[in-house]
Amino acid sequence: MLPVFQTLFVLGNSYCLYVAIRDGLLPSLPKNMSQPWLSAFGEKLAAEMGIQKKVIFASEGLFASEGLGGGNNFFSCGKAVVVYRDDVEEEFTKFRICRDLVHIKYNDRLILPLLISISSIATLILFTSTLPIGAYAIGIASAVTAYCLLNRYVRIRSDRIAFAKYPESAEELRAIFAKMDKKPLGLRQKIMRKFSEAISGRDVLRTLVAQAASHQ
């Protein structure tokens, strides 16, 4: 089993490095440029947040999803990219753009994969002398745990900031959650969705939306 864990450990850390470079340092440039007013809005918001570099805004129509785009705020050189869907309400588009800019401001797409890799390597070094066979498995478990905790933290932070700035997005978010909840799910699917929402921090966003509705 040791070679299997060693292989998984090396592949996992290599992928983390790849993601940090792809999303944090060298994000892909979009094909479809943003509408002029949204670019102006995004550039103004980025400046207010203290983002140093040029941010490119782009629309990918129905195919845009969370995780597209990227960049960091460590270096003023280079570019950052925000990709959004253009088939949703204006306030929700602003919410999503703001949320992605928060990730750029705090360098989440660069730091997160590096921290995951560092946690697994540090755990491996710590346990190698006492558990030479199980150290790789513990390192992998450490990386998975770090991903779950760190991903939840950065997502909740970006959601809170964006929602506080654009509470008008609550109506669109309520509609999205209502549509998700209408889908019939088996027990296993319900458990997986709860787990997914916990990792992504979506459960906190649901609470924010519900609280906004109760105050209306």
Foldseek 3Di string as FASTA:
>chain_A
DQVVLVVVLVVLLVVLQVQLCDAEPPDDDDDAFDDVVVLVVLVVLLVVLVQQEAETEGEPAPPDDPPHWHYARPDHDDYTYDYDHPPDDPLLRQLRSQLRSLCRDHSVSNVQSVVLSVQLVVQLVVCCVPCVRCSSVVSVVRSVVSQQVSQLVSLLVSNVVSCVVRVVCLVVVVVVVVVVVPDDDDPVVVVVVVSVCSSNVVVVVVVVSVVSVVVD
